[in-house]
Structure formats: structure tokens, C-alpha cells
PDB file of N, CA and C in Angstrom:
ATOM      1  N   UNK A   1      21.463 123.540-141.592  1.00  0.00           N
ATOM      2  CA  UNK A   1      22.553 124.448-141.880  1.00  0.00           C
ATOM      3  C   UNK A   1      23.607 124.283-140.797  1.00  0.00           C
ATOM      4  N   UNK A   2      24.846 124.323-141.201  1.00  0.00           N
ATOM      5  CA  UNK A   2      25.948 124.262-140.248  1.00  0.00           C
ATOM      6  C   UNK A   2      26.737 125.561-140.317  1.00  0.00           C
ATOM      7  N   UNK A   3      26.966 126.151-139.143  1.00  0.00           N
ATOM      8  CA  UNK A   3      27.788 127.353-139.030  1.00  0.00           C
ATOM      9  C   UNK A   3      29.087 126.933-138.352  1.00  0.00           C
ATOM     10  N   UNK A   4      30.183 127.027-139.067  1.00  0.00           N
ATOM     11  CA  UNK A   4      31.490 126.692-138.521  1.00  0.00           C
ATOM     12  C   UNK A   4      32.093 127.970-137.952  1.00  0.00           C
ATOM     13  N   UNK A   5      32.181 128.023-136.623  1.00  0.00           N
ATOM     14  CA  UNK A   5      32.588 129.274-135.973  1.00  0.00           C
ATOM     15  C   UNK A   5      34.022 129.682-136.254  1.00  0.00           C
ATOM     16  N   UNK A   6      34.899 128.726-136.580  1.00  0.00           N
ATOM     17  CA  UNK A   6      36.289 129.128-136.804  1.00  0.00           C
ATOM     18  C   UNK A   6      36.464 129.984-138.060  1.00  0.00           C
ATOM     19  N   UNK A   7      35.396 130.127-138.862  1.00  0.00           N
ATOM     20  CA  UNK A   7      35.481 131.072-139.985  1.00  0.00           C
ATOM     21  C   UNK A   7      35.567 132.514-139.476  1.00  0.00           C
ATOM     22  N   UNK A   8      35.156 132.727-138.200  1.00  0.00           N
ATOM     23  CA  UNK A   8      35.268 134.039-137.578  1.00  0.00           C
ATOM     24  C   UNK A   8      36.585 134.186-136.823  1.00  0.00           C
ATOM     25  N   UNK A   9      37.383 133.125-136.782  1.00  0.00           N
ATOM     26  CA  UNK A   9      38.655 133.109-136.081  1.00  0.00           C
ATOM     27  C   UNK A   9      38.685 131.992-135.056  1.00  0.00           C
ATOM     28  N   UNK A  10      39.867 131.710-134.526  1.00  0.00           N
ATOM     29  CA  UNK A  10      39.963 130.645-133.517  1.00  0.00           C
ATOM     30  C   UNK A  10      39.924 131.204-132.095  1.00  0.00           C
ATOM     31  N   UNK A  11      40.006 132.511-131.977  1.00  0.00           N
ATOM     32  CA  UNK A  11      39.881 133.176-130.675  1.00  0.00           C
ATOM     33  C   UNK A  11      38.675 134.109-130.778  1.00  0.00           C
ATOM     34  N   UNK A  12      37.587 133.683-130.161  1.00  0.00           N
ATOM     35  CA  UNK A  12      36.327 134.430-130.256  1.00  0.00           C
ATOM     36  C   UNK A  12      36.086 135.140-128.934  1.00  0.00           C
ATOM     37  N   UNK A  13      36.483 136.402-128.907  1.00  0.00           N
ATOM     38  CA  UNK A  13      36.351 137.208-127.698  1.00  0.00           C
ATOM     39  C   UNK A  13      35.791 138.575-128.061  1.00  0.00           C
ATOM     40  N   UNK A  14      35.275 139.249-127.096  1.00  0.00           N
ATOM     41  CA  UNK A  14      34.787 140.627-127.183  1.00  0.00           C
ATOM     42  C   UNK A  14      33.345 140.696-127.688  1.00  0.00           C
ATOM     43  N   UNK A  15      32.553 141.401-126.937  1.00  0.00           N
ATOM     44  CA  UNK A  15      31.129 141.566-127.234  1.00  0.00           C
ATOM     45  C   UNK A  15      30.910 142.165-128.623  1.00  0.00           C
ATOM     46  N   UNK A  16      31.648 143.199-128.956  1.00  0.00           N
ATOM     47  CA  UNK A  16      31.477 143.860-130.251  1.00  0.00           C
ATOM     48  C   UNK A  16      31.795 142.911-131.406  1.00  0.00           C
ATOM     49  N   UNK A  17      32.835 142.097-131.252  1.00  0.00           N
ATOM     50  CA  UNK A  17      33.191 141.143-132.308  1.00  0.00           C
ATOM     51  C   UNK A  17      32.085 140.100-132.487  1.00  0.00           C
ATOM     52  N   UNK A  18      31.491 139.638-131.397  1.00  0.00           N
ATOM     53  CA  UNK A  18      30.388 138.687-131.484  1.00  0.00           C
ATOM     54  C   UNK A  18      29.176 139.296-132.174  1.00  0.00           C
ATOM     55  N   UNK A  19      28.890 140.536-131.835  1.00  0.00           N
ATOM     56  CA  UNK A  19      27.761 141.246-132.447  1.00  0.00           C
ATOM     57  C   UNK A  19      27.991 141.422-133.949  1.00  0.00           C
ATOM     58  N   UNK A  20      29.212 141.784-134.336  1.00  0.00           N
ATOM     59  CA  UNK A  20      29.534 141.972-135.749  1.00  0.00           C
ATOM     60  C   UNK A  20      29.477 140.650-136.515  1.00  0.00           C
ATOM     61  N   UNK A  21      29.942 139.572-135.877  1.00  0.00           N
ATOM     62  CA  UNK A  21      29.891 138.252-136.513  1.00  0.00           C
ATOM     63  C   UNK A  21      28.450 137.816-136.737  1.00  0.00           C
ATOM     64  N   UNK A  22      27.604 138.036-135.737  1.00  0.00           N
ATOM     65  CA  UNK A  22      26.188 137.694-135.870  1.00  0.00           C
ATOM     66  C   UNK A  22      25.548 138.489-137.010  1.00  0.00           C
ATOM     67  N   UNK A  23      25.812 139.773-137.058  1.00  0.00           N
ATOM     68  CA  UNK A  23      25.253 140.625-138.115  1.00  0.00           C
ATOM     69  C   UNK A  23      25.746 140.186-139.495  1.00  0.00           C
ATOM     70  N   UNK A  24      27.015 139.828-139.585  1.00  0.00           N
ATOM     71  CA  UNK A  24      27.581 139.415-140.866  1.00  0.00           C
ATOM     72  C   UNK A  24      26.959 138.113-141.360  1.00  0.00           C
ATOM     73  N   UNK A  25      26.509 137.265-140.439  1.00  0.00           N
ATOM     74  CA  UNK A  25      25.966 135.972-140.833  1.00  0.00           C
ATOM     75  C   UNK A  25      24.466 136.008-141.123  1.00  0.00           C
ATOM     76  N   UNK A  26      23.789 137.075-140.789  1.00  0.00           N
ATOM     77  CA  UNK A  26      22.339 137.170-140.967  1.00  0.00           C
ATOM     78  C   UNK A  26      21.855 136.868-142.387  1.00  0.00           C
ATOM     79  N   UNK A  27      22.490 137.370-143.444  1.00  0.00           N
ATOM     80  CA  UNK A  27      21.993 137.053-144.789  1.00  0.00           C
ATOM     81  C   UNK A  27      21.975 135.548-145.078  1.00  0.00           C
ATOM     82  N   UNK A  28      22.947 134.807-144.566  1.00  0.00           N
ATOM     83  CA  UNK A  28      22.995 133.354-144.777  1.00  0.00           C
ATOM     84  C   UNK A  28      21.853 132.648-144.067  1.00  0.00           C
ATOM     85  N   UNK A  29      21.391 133.188-142.957  1.00  0.00           N
ATOM     86  CA  UNK A  29      20.341 132.543-142.175  1.00  0.00           C
ATOM     87  C   UNK A  29      18.962 132.658-142.823  1.00  0.00           C
ATOM     88  N   UNK A  30      18.832 133.532-143.799  1.00  0.00           N
ATOM     89  CA  UNK A  30      17.541 133.683-144.475  1.00  0.00           C
ATOM     90  C   UNK A  30      17.138 132.420-145.234  1.00  0.00           C
ATOM     91  N   UNK A  31      18.115 131.578-145.571  1.00  0.00           N
ATOM     92  CA  UNK A  31      17.812 130.362-146.325  1.00  0.00           C
ATOM     93  C   UNK A  31      17.426 129.175-145.427  1.00  0.00           C
ATOM     94  N   UNK A  32      17.460 129.351-144.118  1.00  0.00           N
ATOM     95  CA  UNK A  32      17.119 128.265-143.195  1.00  0.00           C
ATOM     96  C   UNK A  32      15.607 128.029-143.228  1.00  0.00           C
ATOM     97  N   UNK A  33      15.240 126.787-143.452  1.00  0.00           N
ATOM     98  CA  UNK A  33      13.827 126.411-143.473  1.00  0.00           C
ATOM     99  C   UNK A  33      13.274 126.342-142.055  1.00  0.00           C
ATOM    100  N   UNK A  34      11.982 126.532-141.856  1.00  0.00           N
ATOM    101  CA  UNK A  34      11.400 126.558-140.506  1.00  0.00           C
ATOM    102  C   UNK A  34      11.673 125.306-139.665  1.00  0.00           C
ATOM    103  N   UNK A  35      11.736 124.132-140.294  1.00  0.00           N
ATOM    104  CA  UNK A  35      11.972 122.894-139.539  1.00  0.00           C
ATOM    105  C   UNK A  35      13.426 122.434-139.574  1.00  0.00           C
ATOM    106  N   UNK A  36      14.306 123.238-140.144  1.00  0.00           N
ATOM    107  CA  UNK A  36      15.713 122.873-140.294  1.00  0.00           C
ATOM    108  C   UNK A  36      16.512 123.203-139.032  1.00  0.00           C
ATOM    109  N   UNK A  37      17.397 122.269-138.655  1.00  0.00           N
ATOM    110  CA  UNK A  37      18.300 122.528-137.524  1.00  0.00           C
ATOM    111  C   UNK A  37      19.421 123.468-137.961  1.00  0.00           C
ATOM    112  N   UNK A  38      19.869 124.271-137.017  1.00  0.00           N
ATOM    113  CA  UNK A  38      21.029 125.138-137.230  1.00  0.00           C
ATOM    114  C   UNK A  38      22.111 124.628-136.295  1.00  0.00           C
ATOM    115  N   UNK A  39      23.155 124.023-136.867  1.00  0.00           N
ATOM    116  CA  UNK A  39      24.250 123.473-136.079  1.00  0.00           C
ATOM    117  C   UNK A  39      25.380 124.486-135.973  1.00  0.00           C
ATOM    118  N   UNK A  40      25.824 124.704-134.751  1.00  0.00           N
ATOM    119  CA  UNK A  40      26.962 125.579-134.502  1.00  0.00           C
ATOM    120  C   UNK A  40      28.152 124.675-134.207  1.00  0.00           C
ATOM    121  N   UNK A  41      29.136 124.687-135.089  1.00  0.00           N
ATOM    122  CA  UNK A  41      30.286 123.795-135.008  1.00  0.00           C
ATOM    123  C   UNK A  41      31.476 124.547-134.397  1.00  0.00           C
ATOM    124  N   UNK A  42      31.947 124.044-133.252  1.00  0.00           N
ATOM    125  CA  UNK A  42      33.047 124.675-132.532  1.00  0.00           C
ATOM    126  C   UNK A  42      34.422 124.106-132.904  1.00  0.00           C
ATOM    127  N   UNK A  43      34.504 123.278-133.936  1.00  0.00           N
ATOM    128  CA  UNK A  43      35.799 122.730-134.368  1.00  0.00           C
ATOM    129  C   UNK A  43      36.776 123.862-134.659  1.00  0.00           C
ATOM    130  N   UNK A  44      37.983 123.741-134.143  1.00  0.00           N
ATOM    131  CA  UNK A  44      39.017 124.727-134.418  1.00  0.00           C
ATOM    132  C   UNK A  44      38.966 125.981-133.573  1.00  0.00           C
ATOM    133  N   UNK A  45      37.975 126.102-132.693  1.00  0.00           N
ATOM    134  CA  UNK A  45      37.895 127.268-131.810  1.00  0.00           C
ATOM    135  C   UNK A  45      38.768 127.007-130.588  1.00  0.00           C
ATOM    136  N   UNK A  46      39.694 127.905-130.308  1.00  0.00           N
ATOM    137  CA  UNK A  46      40.613 127.761-129.183  1.00  0.00           C
ATOM    138  C   UNK A  46      40.058 128.448-127.943  1.00  0.00           C
ATOM    139  N   UNK A  47      39.598 129.671-128.116  1.00  0.00           N
ATOM    140  CA  UNK A  47      39.074 130.460-127.001  1.00  0.00           C
ATOM    141  C   UNK A  47      37.699 130.998-127.378  1.00  0.00           C
ATOM    142  N   UNK A  48      36.765 130.867-126.433  1.00  0.00           N
ATOM    143  CA  UNK A  48      35.385 131.288-126.666  1.00  0.00           C
ATOM    144  C   UNK A  48      34.905 132.009-125.414  1.00  0.00           C
ATOM    145  N   UNK A  49      34.722 133.316-125.510  1.00  0.00           N
ATOM    146  CA  UNK A  49      34.374 134.103-124.318  1.00  0.00           C
ATOM    147  C   UNK A  49      32.863 134.231-124.149  1.00  0.00           C
ATOM    148  N   UNK A  50      32.414 134.408-122.903  1.00  0.00           N
ATOM    149  CA  UNK A  50      30.981 134.607-122.664  1.00  0.00           C
ATOM    150  C   UNK A  50      30.398 135.816-123.392  1.00  0.00           C
ATOM    151  N   UNK A  51      31.170 136.893-123.501  1.00  0.00           N
ATOM    152  CA  UNK A  51      30.630 138.089-124.165  1.00  0.00           C
ATOM    153  C   UNK A  51      30.405 137.836-125.657  1.00  0.00           C
ATOM    154  N   UNK A  52      31.365 137.199-126.331  1.00  0.00           N
ATOM    155  CA  UNK A  52      31.201 136.872-127.749  1.00  0.00           C
ATOM    156  C   UNK A  52      30.033 135.909-127.909  1.00  0.00           C
ATOM    157  N   UNK A  53      29.993 134.880-127.081  1.00  0.00           N
ATOM    158  CA  UNK A  53      28.927 133.885-127.147  1.00  0.00           C
ATOM    159  C   UNK A  53      27.555 134.479-126.925  1.00  0.00           C
ATOM    160  N   UNK A  54      27.458 135.401-125.972  1.00  0.00           N
ATOM    161  CA  UNK A  54      26.163 136.027-125.686  1.00  0.00           C
ATOM    162  C   UNK A  54      25.665 136.817-126.883  1.00  0.00           C
ATOM    163  N   UNK A  55      26.544 137.494-127.573  1.00  0.00           N
ATOM    164  CA  UNK A  55      26.150 138.307-128.732  1.00  0.00           C
ATOM    165  C   UNK A  55      25.846 137.472-129.965  1.00  0.00           C
ATOM    166  N   UNK A  56      26.399 136.263-130.037  1.00  0.00           N
ATOM    167  CA  UNK A  56      26.181 135.412-131.211  1.00  0.00           C
ATOM    168  C   UNK A  56      25.129 134.339-130.943  1.00  0.00           C
ATOM    169  N   UNK A  57      25.279 133.587-129.870  1.00  0.00           N
ATOM    170  CA  UNK A  57      24.391 132.456-129.611  1.00  0.00           C
ATOM    171  C   UNK A  57      23.012 132.864-129.086  1.00  0.00           C
ATOM    172  N   UNK A  58      22.953 133.864-128.223  1.00  0.00           N
ATOM    173  CA  UNK A  58      21.662 134.251-127.643  1.00  0.00           C
ATOM    174  C   UNK A  58      20.673 134.707-128.714  1.00  0.00           C
ATOM    175  N   UNK A  59      21.059 135.596-129.635  1.00  0.00           N
ATOM    176  CA  UNK A  59      20.101 135.967-130.681  1.00  0.00           C
ATOM    177  C   UNK A  59      19.777 134.812-131.629  1.00  0.00           C
ATOM    178  N   UNK A  60      20.759 133.927-131.868  1.00  0.00           N
ATOM    179  CA  UNK A  60      20.477 132.759-132.701  1.00  0.00           C
ATOM    180  C   UNK A  60      19.431 131.870-132.040  1.00  0.00           C
ATOM    181  N   UNK A  61      19.551 131.711-130.722  1.00  0.00           N
ATOM    182  CA  UNK A  61      18.573 130.901-130.006  1.00  0.00           C
ATOM    183  C   UNK A  61      17.194 131.563-130.051  1.00  0.00           C
ATOM    184  N   UNK A  62      17.153 132.866-129.964  1.00  0.00           N
ATOM    185  CA  UNK A  62      15.862 133.576-130.050  1.00  0.00           C
ATOM    186  C   UNK A  62      15.223 133.355-131.417  1.00  0.00           C
ATOM    187  N   UNK A  63      16.035 133.266-132.461  1.00  0.00           N
ATOM    188  CA  UNK A  63      15.520 133.069-133.817  1.00  0.00           C
ATOM    189  C   UNK A  63      15.115 131.616-134.089  1.00  0.00           C
ATOM    190  N   UNK A  64      15.900 130.661-133.552  1.00  0.00           N
ATOM    191  CA  UNK A  64      15.731 129.264-133.956  1.00  0.00           C
ATOM    192  C   UNK A  64      15.345 128.314-132.820  1.00  0.00           C
ATOM    193  N   UNK A  65      15.339 128.800-131.596  1.00  0.00           N
ATOM    194  CA  UNK A  65      14.883 128.002-130.457  1.00  0.00           C
ATOM    195  C   UNK A  65      15.533 126.635-130.359  1.00  0.00           C
ATOM    196  N   UNK A  66      14.713 125.599-130.216  1.00  0.00           N
ATOM    197  CA  UNK A  66      15.254 124.258-130.017  1.00  0.00           C
ATOM    198  C   UNK A  66      15.833 123.648-131.289  1.00  0.00           C
ATOM    199  N   UNK A  67      15.807 124.363-132.384  1.00  0.00           N
ATOM    200  CA  UNK A  67      16.456 123.910-133.626  1.00  0.00           C
ATOM    201  C   UNK A  67      17.948 124.262-133.632  1.00  0.00           C
ATOM    202  N   UNK A  68      18.394 125.030-132.639  1.00  0.00           N
ATOM    203  CA  UNK A  68      19.808 125.403-132.518  1.00  0.00           C
ATOM    204  C   UNK A  68      20.540 124.288-131.772  1.00  0.00           C
ATOM    205  N   UNK A  69      21.543 123.699-132.421  1.00  0.00           N
ATOM    206  CA  UNK A  69      22.294 122.573-131.874  1.00  0.00           C
ATOM    207  C   UNK A  69      23.778 122.934-131.876  1.00  0.00           C
ATOM    208  N   UNK A  70      24.460 122.699-130.750  1.00  0.00           N
ATOM    209  CA  UNK A  70      25.891 122.962-130.647  1.00  0.00           C
ATOM    210  C   UNK A  70      26.650 121.651-130.807  1.00  0.00           C
ATOM    211  N   UNK A  71      27.655 121.655-131.668  1.00  0.00           N
ATOM    212  CA  UNK A  71      28.421 120.425-131.905  1.00  0.00           C
ATOM    213  C   UNK A  71      29.919 120.681-131.745  1.00  0.00           C
ATOM    214  N   UNK A  72      30.641 119.581-131.505  1.00  0.00           N
ATOM    215  CA  UNK A  72      32.098 119.582-131.361  1.00  0.00           C
ATOM    216  C   UNK A  72      32.585 120.463-130.216  1.00  0.00           C
ATOM    217  N   UNK A  73      31.951 120.298-129.053  1.00  0.00           N
ATOM    218  CA  UNK A  73      32.396 121.042-127.866  1.00  0.00           C
ATOM    219  C   UNK A  73      33.122 120.146-126.869  1.00  0.00           C
ATOM    220  N   UNK A  74      33.039 118.828-127.049  1.00  0.00           N
ATOM    221  CA  UNK A  74      33.494 117.884-126.028  1.00  0.00           C
ATOM    222  C   UNK A  74      34.965 118.011-125.641  1.00  0.00           C
ATOM    223  N   UNK A  75      35.822 118.404-126.542  1.00  0.00           N
ATOM    224  CA  UNK A  75      37.259 118.499-126.242  1.00  0.00           C
ATOM    225  C   UNK A  75      37.735 119.931-126.049  1.00  0.00           C
ATOM    226  N   UNK A  76      36.817 120.829-125.743  1.00  0.00           N
ATOM    227  CA  UNK A  76      37.195 122.229-125.620  1.00  0.00           C
ATOM    228  C   UNK A  76      36.707 122.805-124.289  1.00  0.00           C
ATOM    229  N   UNK A  77      37.598 122.874-123.284  1.00  0.00           N
ATOM    230  CA  UNK A  77      37.198 123.393-121.981  1.00  0.00           C
ATOM    231  C   UNK A  77      36.715 124.846-122.026  1.00  0.00           C
ATOM    232  N   UNK A  78      37.270 125.662-122.904  1.00  0.00           N
ATOM    233  CA  UNK A  78      36.865 127.060-123.011  1.00  0.00           C
ATOM    234  C   UNK A  78      35.394 127.146-123.424  1.00  0.00           C
ATOM    235  N   UNK A  79      35.006 126.362-124.407  1.00  0.00           N
ATOM    236  CA  UNK A  79      33.629 126.365-124.879  1.00  0.00           C
ATOM    237  C   UNK A  79      32.699 125.824-123.794  1.00  0.00           C
ATOM    238  N   UNK A  80      33.079 124.728-123.169  1.00  0.00           N
ATOM    239  CA  UNK A  80      32.238 124.125-122.128  1.00  0.00           C
ATOM    240  C   UNK A  80      31.968 125.102-120.987  1.00  0.00           C
ATOM    241  N   UNK A  81      33.012 125.756-120.508  1.00  0.00           N
ATOM    242  CA  UNK A  81      32.849 126.690-119.386  1.00  0.00           C
ATOM    243  C   UNK A  81      32.039 127.915-119.787  1.00  0.00           C
ATOM    244  N   UNK A  82      32.267 128.412-120.984  1.00  0.00           N
ATOM    245  CA  UNK A  82      31.492 129.563-121.452  1.00  0.00           C
ATOM    246  C   UNK A  82      30.014 129.212-121.561  1.00  0.00           C
ATOM    247  N   UNK A  83      29.712 128.025-122.050  1.00  0.00           N
ATOM    248  CA  UNK A  83      28.307 127.619-122.160  1.00  0.00           C
ATOM    249  C   UNK A  83      27.658 127.492-120.785  1.00  0.00           C
ATOM    250  N   UNK A  84      28.405 127.042-119.783  1.00  0.00           N
ATOM    251  CA  UNK A  84      27.877 126.992-118.410  1.00  0.00           C
ATOM    252  C   UNK A  84      27.537 128.399-117.920  1.00  0.00           C
ATOM    253  N   UNK A  85      28.438 129.332-118.192  1.00  0.00           N
ATOM    254  CA  UNK A  85      28.211 130.721-117.779  1.00  0.00           C
ATOM    255  C   UNK A  85      26.982 131.291-118.480  1.00  0.00           C
ATOM    256  N   UNK A  86      26.893 131.082-119.794  1.00  0.00           N
ATOM    257  CA  UNK A  86      25.750 131.606-120.545  1.00  0.00           C
ATOM    258  C   UNK A  86      24.443 130.982-120.071  1.00  0.00           C
ATOM    259  N   UNK A  87      24.468 129.703-119.766  1.00  0.00           N
ATOM    260  CA  UNK A  87      23.273 129.035-119.269  1.00  0.00           C
ATOM    261  C   UNK A  87      22.832 129.653-117.943  1.00  0.00           C
ATOM    262  N   UNK A  88      23.790 129.975-117.084  1.00  0.00           N
ATOM    263  CA  UNK A  88      23.477 130.577-115.802  1.00  0.00           C
ATOM    264  C   UNK A  88      22.957 131.996-115.909  1.00  0.00           C
ATOM    265  N   UNK A  89      23.471 132.737-116.874  1.00  0.00           N
ATOM    266  CA  UNK A  89      23.070 134.131-117.056  1.00  0.00           C
ATOM    267  C   UNK A  89      21.708 134.244-117.738  1.00  0.00           C
ATOM    268  N   UNK A  90      21.538 133.505-118.823  1.00  0.00           N
ATOM    269  CA  UNK A  90      20.347 133.695-119.641  1.00  0.00           C
ATOM    270  C   UNK A  90      19.316 132.583-119.497  1.00  0.00           C
ATOM    271  N   UNK A  91      19.676 131.520-118.840  1.00  0.00           N
ATOM    272  CA  UNK A  91      18.827 130.327-118.679  1.00  0.00           C
ATOM    273  C   UNK A  91      18.341 129.777-120.020  1.00  0.00           C
ATOM    274  N   UNK A  92      19.146 129.920-121.047  1.00  0.00           N
ATOM    275  CA  UNK A  92      18.836 129.323-122.342  1.00  0.00           C
ATOM    276  C   UNK A  92      19.349 127.891-122.320  1.00  0.00           C
ATOM    277  N   UNK A  93      18.485 126.935-122.606  1.00  0.00           N
ATOM    278  CA  UNK A  93      18.923 125.537-122.612  1.00  0.00           C
ATOM    279  C   UNK A  93      19.539 125.149-123.961  1.00  0.00           C
ATOM    280  N   UNK A  94      20.817 125.446-124.138  1.00  0.00           N
ATOM    281  CA  UNK A  94      21.485 125.101-125.389  1.00  0.00           C
ATOM    282  C   UNK A  94      21.530 123.585-125.540  1.00  0.00           C
ATOM    283  N   UNK A  95      21.178 123.105-126.729  1.00  0.00           N
ATOM    284  CA  UNK A  95      21.227 121.679-127.024  1.00  0.00           C
ATOM    285  C   UNK A  95      22.598 121.338-127.580  1.00  0.00           C
ATOM    286  N   UNK A  96      23.195 120.280-127.020  1.00  0.00           N
ATOM    287  CA  UNK A  96      24.521 119.852-127.447  1.00  0.00           C
ATOM    288  C   UNK A  96      24.397 118.454-128.061  1.00  0.00           C
ATOM    289  N   UNK A  97      25.054 118.280-129.172  1.00  0.00           N
ATOM    290  CA  UNK A  97      25.036 116.987-129.851  1.00  0.00           C
ATOM    291  C   UNK A  97      26.394 116.354-129.748  1.00  0.00           C
TER     292      UNK A  97
END
């Protein structure tokens, strides 16, 4: 399954917005098979804050573990720096493709 984050907007900020986005996407995640990867696509995201990321990515990682893969982050400094911060705070080893 691929989740394209820009469907939530190109500026992903605020803890509450991240929490609401995660909740809104939960019904779609019910169709993910146990061995299926969940790709998070950052294409089109301009700004990505640690608070939004923590509310969206951390629970996704708890649900899908090493099946959670982050893609299209290479040309986005905002995403790269936020992922460094999240890694330092939560010690979750996000996989990047």
C-alpha cells in the first residue's frame, strides 16, 4: 500500500492535524495484508513538522514495524531534518527507500 502524504496537504504541521490525518486514514489501513509493505510517499510535501510526523508516523510504525517504508525524501530538507528529530526522540528506525 502506498500513502501519498500530499493528499493531506503540502504543509504538514501541527500535532492535532497529524493526529486527525492518522485517524482519517485508519479505515484504509484495514486492507493491508500482514506481509505487505506500507510506503509513505513524501512527493509534493513542502513542509513536514516533527509534531505532525510524530502523530502520523509513530503510530504507523507501531502498527506495521519494519514494513513501513518512507519514499521520495531525498530532495526535501524539511522531511530529512524532521526524520532526524523523530529518530532522536523516539529511536524508531524508519526505513527509507
